[in-house]
Protein backbone atom coordinates (compact mmCIF):
# COMPACT_ATOMS: atom_id res chain seq x y z
CA MET A 1 -35.62 19.10 6.22
CA ASP A 2 -33.88 17.07 8.74
CA ASP A 3 -30.55 18.74 10.13
CA HIS A 4 -29.25 15.60 11.83
CA PRO A 5 -26.66 13.78 9.96
CA SER A 6 -27.20 10.53 8.55
CA GLY A 7 -25.71 7.11 10.24
CA ASP A 8 -23.13 7.07 7.58
CA ASP A 9 -22.20 10.63 7.78
CA ALA A 10 -21.94 10.43 11.62
CA ASP A 11 -19.72 7.34 11.33
CA ALA A 12 -17.74 9.18 8.84
CA ALA A 13 -17.23 12.28 11.05
CA GLU A 14 -16.56 9.99 14.08
CA ARG A 15 -13.59 8.11 12.36
CA ALA A 16 -12.32 11.28 10.88
CA GLU A 17 -12.12 12.75 14.51
CA ALA A 18 -10.48 9.50 15.44
CA LEU A 19 -8.12 10.03 12.82
CA ALA A 20 -7.08 13.25 13.80
CA GLU A 21 -6.68 12.15 17.38
CA ILE A 22 -5.19 8.98 17.16
CA GLY A 23 -1.36 9.47 17.96
CA ASP A 24 -1.74 11.30 21.47
CA ASP A 25 0.33 8.62 23.31
CA PRO A 26 3.95 9.62 23.37
CA VAL A 27 6.14 7.29 21.38
CA PRO A 28 10.01 7.08 21.77
CA ASP A 29 11.41 8.94 19.02
CA VAL A 30 14.87 7.11 18.80
CA LEU A 31 15.86 4.14 16.30
CA PRO A 32 15.61 1.01 17.94
CA ARG A 33 18.70 -0.79 18.64
CA ASN A 34 20.44 -3.16 16.09
CA ASP A 35 19.82 -6.88 17.02
CA TRP A 36 23.23 -8.08 15.57
CA ARG A 37 22.24 -11.71 16.00
CA ARG A 38 19.23 -11.08 13.55
CA ILE A 39 21.76 -9.29 11.22
CA LEU A 40 24.30 -12.37 11.26
CA LEU A 41 21.10 -14.66 10.85
CA ARG A 42 20.16 -12.85 7.53
CA LEU A 43 23.72 -12.72 6.32
CA VAL A 44 24.15 -16.50 6.91
CA VAL A 45 20.86 -16.93 4.99
CA SER A 46 21.88 -14.89 2.30
CA PHE A 47 25.49 -16.84 1.78
CA ALA A 48 23.30 -20.04 2.25
CA PHE A 49 21.20 -18.98 -0.59
CA LEU A 50 24.21 -18.28 -2.88
CA ALA A 51 26.19 -21.63 -1.63
CA ILE A 52 23.27 -23.52 -2.64
CA LEU A 53 23.01 -21.77 -5.90
CA PHE A 54 26.70 -22.53 -6.76
CA TRP A 55 26.36 -25.87 -5.52
CA ARG A 56 23.55 -26.49 -7.86
CA LEU A 57 25.22 -24.87 -10.85
CA PRO A 58 28.59 -26.89 -10.55
CA ASP A 59 29.71 -25.28 -13.83
CA VAL A 60 29.55 -21.85 -12.35
CA SER A 61 32.45 -20.22 -10.74
CA VAL A 62 32.85 -16.98 -8.69
CA GLY A 63 35.46 -15.78 -11.41
CA ASP A 64 32.44 -16.40 -14.03
CA ILE A 65 30.18 -14.03 -12.19
CA VAL A 66 32.60 -10.96 -12.30
CA PRO A 67 32.56 -9.56 -15.85
CA VAL A 68 34.86 -7.29 -17.79
CA LEU A 69 33.15 -3.91 -18.12
CA SER A 70 33.86 -1.90 -21.15
CA SER A 71 33.29 2.07 -21.17
CA ALA A 72 30.04 1.63 -22.59
CA ALA A 73 29.12 -0.83 -19.89
CA VAL A 74 29.95 1.62 -17.11
CA GLY A 75 27.73 4.30 -19.06
CA TRP A 76 24.74 1.86 -18.76
CA ILE A 77 25.54 1.18 -15.05
CA ALA A 78 25.68 4.84 -14.72
CA VAL A 79 22.23 4.99 -16.42
CA ALA A 80 20.92 2.44 -14.09
CA VAL A 81 22.05 4.27 -11.08
CA VAL A 82 20.68 7.71 -12.31
CA VAL A 83 17.24 6.08 -13.27
CA HIS A 84 16.95 4.34 -9.88
CA MET A 85 17.36 7.40 -8.32
CA PHE A 86 14.74 9.25 -10.18
CA ALA A 87 12.44 6.59 -9.34
CA TYR A 88 12.93 7.42 -5.39
CA LEU A 89 11.26 10.86 -6.49
CA LEU A 90 8.22 8.90 -7.74
CA GLN A 91 8.12 6.86 -4.78
CA SER A 92 8.25 10.04 -2.73
CA LEU A 93 5.37 11.36 -4.80
CA ARG A 94 3.24 8.10 -3.90
CA TRP A 95 3.91 8.38 -0.18
CA ALA A 96 3.06 12.09 -0.42
CA GLN A 97 -0.19 11.51 -2.02
CA VAL A 98 -1.18 8.84 0.64
CA SER A 99 0.07 11.08 3.37
CA ASP A 100 -2.02 14.13 1.95
CA ALA A 101 -5.32 11.57 1.81
CA LEU A 102 -4.65 10.96 5.55
CA GLY A 103 -4.29 14.83 6.36
CA ILE A 104 -0.35 14.51 6.84
CA HIS A 105 0.97 17.63 5.03
CA LEU A 106 4.62 17.87 4.70
CA PRO A 107 6.72 19.59 1.98
CA PHE A 108 7.72 17.06 -0.55
CA ARG A 109 11.17 18.06 -0.27
CA ARG A 110 10.88 16.90 3.47
CA LEU A 111 9.51 13.68 2.55
CA THR A 112 11.94 13.09 -0.08
CA SER A 113 14.65 13.28 2.55
CA HIS A 114 12.99 10.97 4.85
CA LEU A 115 12.60 8.44 2.08
CA LEU A 116 16.10 8.66 0.84
CA ALA A 117 17.16 8.39 4.32
CA GLY A 118 15.36 5.07 4.82
CA GLU A 119 16.56 3.72 1.36
CA PHE A 120 20.23 4.27 2.63
CA VAL A 121 19.17 2.32 5.69
CA SER A 122 17.53 -0.41 3.99
CA ASN A 123 20.25 -0.90 1.22
CA ALA A 124 23.43 0.52 2.32
CA LEU A 125 23.45 -0.28 6.19
CA PRO A 126 23.53 -3.53 7.96
CA THR A 127 20.60 -2.89 10.22
CA SER A 128 18.06 -5.27 11.82
CA PHE A 129 15.16 -2.65 11.10
CA GLY A 130 14.19 -1.33 7.76
CA GLY A 131 14.35 2.00 6.40
CA ASP A 132 10.59 2.16 6.53
CA VAL A 133 10.88 2.41 10.44
CA LEU A 134 13.13 5.33 10.18
CA ARG A 135 10.54 6.79 7.82
CA VAL A 136 7.77 6.37 10.24
CA LEU A 137 9.89 7.74 13.28
CA ARG A 138 10.81 11.05 11.06
CA GLN A 139 7.39 11.70 9.81
CA GLY A 140 5.75 10.93 13.18
CA ASP A 141 8.52 13.41 14.77
CA ASP A 142 7.35 15.96 12.29
CA THR A 143 3.91 15.64 12.94
CA GLY A 144 3.44 14.63 16.40
CA ASP A 145 1.74 11.29 15.64
CA HIS A 146 3.55 7.97 14.78
CA ALA A 147 0.54 6.04 14.27
CA ASP A 148 -0.75 7.98 11.36
CA ALA A 149 2.85 8.05 10.05
CA PHE A 150 2.73 4.04 10.31
CA ALA A 151 -0.50 4.11 8.45
CA ALA A 152 0.88 6.32 5.50
CA THR A 153 3.93 4.31 5.16
CA SER A 154 2.13 0.82 5.55
CA LEU A 155 -0.63 1.96 2.71
CA GLU A 156 2.16 3.50 0.53
CA ARG A 157 4.03 0.13 0.53
CA LEU A 158 0.73 -1.92 -0.09
CA THR A 159 0.16 -0.12 -3.32
CA GLY A 160 3.20 -1.85 -4.48
CA TRP A 161 1.55 -5.29 -4.06
CA PHE A 162 -1.18 -4.15 -6.65
CA VAL A 163 1.27 -2.41 -8.87
CA LEU A 164 3.94 -5.17 -9.19
CA PRO A 165 1.58 -7.90 -10.24
CA VAL A 166 0.20 -5.50 -12.88
CA LEU A 167 3.38 -4.67 -14.59
CA SER A 168 4.30 -8.45 -14.35
CA ALA A 169 1.25 -9.27 -16.06
CA PHE A 170 1.65 -6.47 -18.74
CA GLY A 171 5.08 -7.43 -19.53
CA LEU A 172 4.36 -11.25 -19.91
CA ILE A 173 1.45 -10.51 -22.08
CA VAL A 174 3.11 -7.92 -24.25
CA GLY A 175 6.61 -9.52 -24.37
CA ALA A 176 7.14 -11.96 -27.22
CA GLY A 177 7.31 -15.58 -26.01
CA LEU A 178 7.35 -14.80 -22.33
CA THR A 179 3.87 -16.51 -21.82
CA SER A 180 5.48 -19.94 -22.99
CA LEU A 181 8.64 -20.15 -20.79
CA GLY A 182 7.33 -23.16 -18.95
CA THR A 183 8.27 -23.16 -15.17
CA ALA A 184 9.58 -19.56 -15.15
CA THR A 185 6.06 -18.27 -16.61
CA ALA A 186 4.13 -20.38 -14.22
CA VAL A 187 6.35 -19.22 -11.20
CA ALA A 188 5.66 -15.69 -12.16
CA VAL A 189 2.20 -15.85 -12.51
CA VAL A 190 1.68 -17.74 -9.21
CA VAL A 191 3.81 -14.77 -7.37
CA ASP A 192 1.69 -12.41 -9.16
CA VAL A 193 -1.83 -14.08 -8.53
CA VAL A 194 -0.80 -14.89 -4.76
CA THR A 195 0.43 -11.20 -4.35
CA LEU A 196 -2.89 -9.84 -5.31
CA LEU A 197 -5.03 -12.26 -3.23
CA ALA A 198 -2.92 -11.43 -0.05
CA LEU A 199 -3.36 -7.75 -0.65
CA GLY A 200 -7.29 -8.28 -1.25
CA THR A 201 -7.36 -9.97 2.06
CA LEU A 202 -5.20 -7.41 3.94
CA LEU A 203 -7.20 -4.45 2.59
CA TRP A 204 -10.66 -6.32 3.46
CA VAL A 205 -9.50 -7.12 6.95
CA ALA A 206 -7.69 -3.87 7.70
CA GLY A 207 -10.98 -1.92 6.11
CA HIS A 208 -13.55 -3.51 7.83
CA PRO A 209 -15.05 -2.28 10.76
CA ARG A 210 -15.04 -5.46 12.42
CA GLY A 211 -11.56 -6.23 11.31
CA ALA A 212 -8.85 -3.61 12.26
CA GLY A 213 -11.74 -1.13 12.68
CA ARG A 214 -12.08 -2.90 16.23
CA LEU A 215 -8.75 -1.34 17.21
CA VAL A 216 -9.79 2.19 16.61
CA GLY A 217 -9.41 3.99 19.88
CA ARG A 218 -6.97 1.18 21.60
CA THR A 219 -3.74 1.72 23.19
CA GLY A 220 -0.25 0.23 22.39
CA TRP A 221 0.61 -1.49 19.30
CA ARG A 222 -3.05 -1.88 18.47
CA ARG A 223 -3.56 1.78 17.80
CA TYR A 224 -1.10 1.54 14.93
CA LEU A 225 -3.45 -0.94 13.09
CA GLY A 226 -6.25 0.98 14.13
CA ALA A 227 -4.52 3.92 12.10
CA VAL A 228 -4.04 1.58 9.11
CA HIS A 229 -7.85 1.17 9.27
CA LEU A 230 -8.72 4.72 9.37
CA GLY A 231 -6.30 5.44 6.79
CA ILE A 232 -8.11 3.04 4.43
CA VAL A 233 -11.27 5.00 5.32
CA ALA A 234 -9.65 8.21 4.69
CA VAL A 235 -8.35 7.22 1.29
CA ARG A 236 -11.61 5.67 0.25
CA ARG A 237 -13.28 9.53 0.41
CA HIS A 238 -10.46 10.45 -2.30
CA PRO A 239 -10.89 8.41 -5.18
CA GLY A 240 -9.08 10.76 -7.30
CA ARG A 241 -6.26 10.61 -5.38
CA VAL A 242 -6.05 6.73 -5.37
CA SER A 243 -5.51 6.86 -8.98
CA ARG A 244 -2.86 9.36 -8.69
CA VAL A 245 -1.34 7.25 -6.02
CA ILE A 246 -1.37 4.02 -8.38
CA GLY A 247 -0.21 6.11 -11.17
CA ALA A 248 3.11 7.12 -9.17
CA GLY A 249 3.50 3.60 -8.16
CA LEU A 250 3.22 2.43 -11.87
CA ALA A 251 5.85 4.81 -12.95
CA PHE A 252 8.24 4.13 -9.55
CA GLN A 253 8.38 0.55 -10.44
CA PHE A 254 8.40 0.90 -13.98
CA LEU A 255 11.65 2.83 -13.65
CA GLN A 256 12.97 0.03 -11.57
CA CYS A 257 12.45 -2.15 -14.45
CA VAL A 258 14.16 0.36 -16.72
CA SER A 259 17.05 -0.07 -14.34
CA VAL A 260 17.45 -3.60 -14.19
CA TRP A 261 17.08 -3.49 -18.27
CA ALA A 262 19.85 -1.04 -18.33
CA CYS A 263 22.13 -3.47 -16.04
CA GLY A 264 21.31 -6.39 -18.46
CA ARG A 265 22.53 -3.98 -21.28
CA ALA A 266 25.50 -3.20 -19.23
CA LEU A 267 26.37 -6.99 -19.24
CA GLY A 268 25.63 -7.53 -22.89
CA LEU A 269 22.36 -9.54 -22.36
CA PRO A 270 20.11 -8.92 -25.25
CA GLN A 271 17.61 -11.38 -23.84
CA VAL A 272 16.88 -9.16 -20.94
CA THR A 273 14.57 -6.92 -22.83
CA LEU A 274 12.59 -4.19 -21.05
CA PHE A 275 9.23 -6.36 -21.29
CA ALA A 276 11.34 -9.24 -19.89
CA ALA A 277 12.36 -7.05 -16.86
CA MET A 278 8.70 -5.81 -16.40
CA ALA A 279 7.63 -9.49 -16.43
CA PHE A 280 10.13 -10.99 -14.18
CA PHE A 281 11.78 -8.23 -11.91
CA PRO A 282 8.26 -7.56 -10.05
CA PRO A 283 8.01 -11.19 -8.83
CA THR A 284 11.53 -11.23 -7.80
CA ALA A 285 11.02 -7.90 -6.08
CA VAL A 286 8.11 -9.50 -3.94
CA VAL A 287 10.00 -12.62 -3.00
CA GLN A 288 13.33 -10.68 -2.10
CA ASN A 289 11.22 -8.41 0.16
CA PHE A 290 10.67 -11.20 2.51
CA PRO A 291 12.78 -10.58 5.70
CA LEU A 292 14.85 -13.93 5.19
CA ALA A 293 18.21 -12.57 3.36
CA LEU A 294 20.11 -9.50 3.94
CA GLY A 295 19.04 -7.02 0.86
CA GLY A 296 17.60 -9.93 -0.84
CA LEU A 297 21.13 -11.07 -1.46
CA GLY A 298 20.93 -14.61 -3.01
CA VAL A 299 17.14 -14.75 -3.21
CA ARG A 300 17.31 -12.26 -6.09
CA GLU A 301 20.01 -14.17 -7.83
CA ALA A 302 18.15 -17.50 -7.83
CA ALA A 303 15.17 -15.77 -9.14
CA PHE A 304 17.11 -14.38 -11.84
CA VAL A 305 18.65 -17.68 -12.70
CA LEU A 306 14.94 -19.22 -12.88
CA PHE A 307 13.28 -16.33 -14.86
CA PHE A 308 16.13 -15.15 -17.24
CA GLY A 309 17.72 -18.57 -17.62
CA ALA A 310 14.54 -19.47 -19.29
CA LEU A 311 15.11 -16.83 -21.86
CA GLY A 312 18.71 -18.32 -22.71
CA VAL A 313 20.98 -16.11 -20.03
CA ALA A 314 23.69 -18.52 -18.90
CA ASP A 315 23.65 -19.17 -15.20
CA GLU A 316 26.69 -17.23 -14.32
CA GLU A 317 25.37 -14.18 -16.17
CA ALA A 318 22.10 -14.23 -14.39
CA ILE A 319 24.09 -14.29 -10.93
CA ALA A 320 26.06 -11.60 -12.23
CA LEU A 321 22.85 -9.46 -13.36
CA GLY A 322 21.67 -9.99 -10.02
CA LEU A 323 24.66 -8.83 -8.01
CA LEU A 324 24.85 -5.70 -10.43
CA VAL A 325 21.19 -4.92 -9.92
CA TYR A 326 22.08 -4.97 -6.29
CA LEU A 327 25.18 -2.93 -6.50
CA VAL A 328 23.11 -0.20 -8.36
CA PHE A 329 20.41 -0.22 -5.62
CA VAL A 330 23.18 0.41 -2.87
CA VAL A 331 25.00 2.94 -4.92
CA ALA A 332 21.82 4.84 -5.77
CA SER A 333 20.76 4.88 -2.08
CA LEU A 334 24.02 6.25 -1.06
CA SER A 335 22.24 9.40 -2.09
CA GLY A 336 20.46 9.22 1.26
CA ALA A 337 23.30 9.39 3.50
CA PRO A 338 23.26 13.15 4.12
CA ALA A 339 19.56 12.93 4.77
CA PHE A 340 20.12 10.05 7.33
CA VAL A 341 22.97 11.80 9.03
CA LEU A 342 21.66 15.57 8.64
CA GLY A 343 18.04 15.31 7.77
CA ARG A 344 16.42 14.95 11.03
CA ARG A 345 14.72 18.06 12.72
CA ARG A 346 13.28 17.91 16.18
CA ARG A 347 9.69 17.92 16.85
CA GLY A 348 7.99 21.33 16.66
CA ASP A 349 10.67 22.74 14.03
CA PRO A 350 8.46 25.53 12.46
CA THR A 351 9.66 24.84 9.02
CA THR A 352 7.60 21.49 9.06
CA SER A 353 3.96 21.39 8.51
CA THR A 354 1.56 20.02 11.13
CA ARG A 355 -0.88 17.32 10.70
CA ALA A 356 -4.15 18.37 9.68
CA PRO A 357 -7.64 16.57 10.27
CA THR A 358 -9.22 15.14 6.97
């Protein structure tokens, strides 16, 4: 019997070794400085989107989008906030599953702290860098490897590109009449299909040995893309974990849809059913995540006017719904303020786990 490993086994062993050692170069463990010009530009873009929206809807005034909230409405808003906060736990679970597949083993509580801090940065602070940057830096500080932390966060985010279109398609198919709303249905389907195609292309390029695989062992920024390649290779070795990652992602995004539905209940919008939220919030989440507007402000409201307006929601009510959803996201992300201020430990803290080879 031949004791020498096969070519595939040798290749897998080599990639596993590279995955364990890719983060040797030191990386500054401080947050990047805010680019206030970029923040101002994104704020201007947000207000421009809102201004164009009001210009295109002359019958809508600023006063029309400020609803009078009853005690029942306040209760529904509280439900939306609590649901959104619970969704963060499921997002942490998804991140933990990806990290474990890459051999990055940190306590779930620690990862949740990093994630909440990142959401606080993304939603509540006017910064030119996203919360994902904070997550990468803090997870990298804990493990001593920022490249693998970058890979873990990137792959965790990419799973959303699969989950969001799936949820949207389910909502469109199951929701009564949602497949026959003309432009609204067409736009949702196009966004879903383009998202899946983009995801497939990215995964193919990042996972192919002649794509990002050629960057393994390189230095500088290229080693981060090499880490993503090795992360995909590592995840492929754990098909059972992939299903758990997708399951956690589906639950996380579903709860965000529930939060949007609860906001619709708070504003007394019966047209915004749970299936409608599932059909139209995912494509909205895709387009609002492009780094154009600050917190998706203006983009989200315009999308809601298109999607929910097709269901009979008045323009001012759709705008109010978008702003309320944004407010709920901000309030929920405030739970990450303590983690942002106090949650950081220096590298080498004995209470954090270290990176283990896969």
